[in-house]
């Protein structure tokens, strides 16, 4: 969401995150109130700027204190409480809360007892064995925290921001600046446009003949916490959370060359420049030009530059230097899956699951509104405490789905489940009960610390069950917060192909699971199949499909490999075949 509601939702989430530290708990009343308000604002059709405190309080999920803060931001451009929390809990300290095993109380304990206020300081404290003497910690805790730092990629010099945090900021900036009359074209570039799962900083590129008003507006935005530079064609700011944003303005005629240059990885750009040199040309952020005459060969569009270099246009997600230029030159680029190719969504929850937030009928109506040919309702299995369905509840929901089918004659409704894969590969329910389902996804929800051998064994055993059609969010990772499980990827891919089990590409921005690097390896396995599923818990989450598709494209996944691009008849036969093997 962009606009004022998007800004408010982002600030409320920041309030929630910082209040976890102030209250020492992720479940305090104030934290839950802010998080509930985030959901309410995201779901509101009305513009919060047009609403009074009383009207905001009338919205389910927004209390008076939160409503007052919303109005404070709308009227003044800031929230005093949030500014105070930012001063007390800087981004370097907040980053520690991403590390598994470090809850808010522990983070504050580390700060107060050891002076630890950043990942680097935490690593130094671990190396000198200072954590093991603190209450509630020990030598094993030190080892686990150190391993998590490494696996989350927090040990490098450059801090990277999870895409779920960076993308809303970029979209808000593009929407806000893009509305200015001086802006001819605007695009975010860099690793974000390539859809990497973590972002170093955000690069925004604008085409304009009048850059100064754009630069002035950029450095004056409410989200700005620090101005690093303010020039006529380039400026840089720091926004909430310590994320840096760079803005560049180029002439409209240079936009294609600039967006190409600032999107591609170093390896991709080096290969492109070499192709230009081989032709007696130069390629930079301004144009593709003749090296001798300086005559411009192409500059206005990316497509024209690729064409001049005898290449098919390469999608942004592929511009990483993984062989895409050779593939474009030889006509062997994959036919990547697109959002429009998707005909069904096979991982959908409702309020029947304890964590669902839209009722079953609303979810079905939303699926039908998206034009889906088929949808799989997959509530949690009984082994997932609190959120799972008992056998009686499964039967009652099945009867309700039978009633609803008449309301949606153009959409096949599959009654399925998201099963839990136990540490030994076991599943919820008995075999006969499982075979009554139309479709089953099986996922790892616990025991993330098992060895690679045991994780691989549990996954393969689950895939061997005839009721399991797909493995959900394969690694179980939460980007920037929880590393994925260790697996023998080649063994898992081979088992998926041999058992006819699809591997899910989960669409949630904080998962994007399977990671793109594993997708690139998996896609080459003969007879491998994928399913791109939203894992929706609310009607608005069907829109997350675009993110799963982009992650699939980043992994070079082709349409033909994705089972939910198939017509309903073909898909249903494939899904049923496993149960009759």
Foldseek 3Di string as FASTA:
>chain_A
DADLLLVLLLLLQLVLLLVCLVVVHNPDPSNQLSNLVSVQSVPDPDRLLVDALVRQCPGPSHHSVSSVQSNVCSVPLHGVVSVVSCVVQPLQLSLLCLQPPQGSNNSVCCCVPPVDRHPVSLVVCLVVPNQQPDPPHHVVNSVSRVVRCVLLVVPDPQDWAFLVSQVSVVVRLCVVLVPDPQFPDKDKAAVVQLPDGIHRAIEMETAGPQQQVSLVCVCPRSQFPAWPAGDRAWTWTAGPSRHIYIYGYDHQQQQALQRVQRHADPLLVVVLQVLLVVVQWGGDSRATARVVPRHGQGGNHVQSSCVVSQFGRDRSNARHNPCVRVCRNVVNQFAADALVLFQEAAAAEAVLFVLFDHHPVLQVVLCVVVVHQEYEYAFEDPVPPPGHDDLVSLVVVVVVVVVCCVVCVRHHYWYEHAWEQDLQLDTHDDLVSLLVGLAYEYEHDDPQPDAQVSLQNNLLSNLQRLSHQEYELNQPAFNSRGRGHRYPLVSNLVSCQVLNHAYEQELDSRRSPPALVSLLVSQVDPNHAYEYHHNHSYSVSVVSSRRSSSRNVSNSHHSVRYLSSDPPVVSSVSSVVSNVD
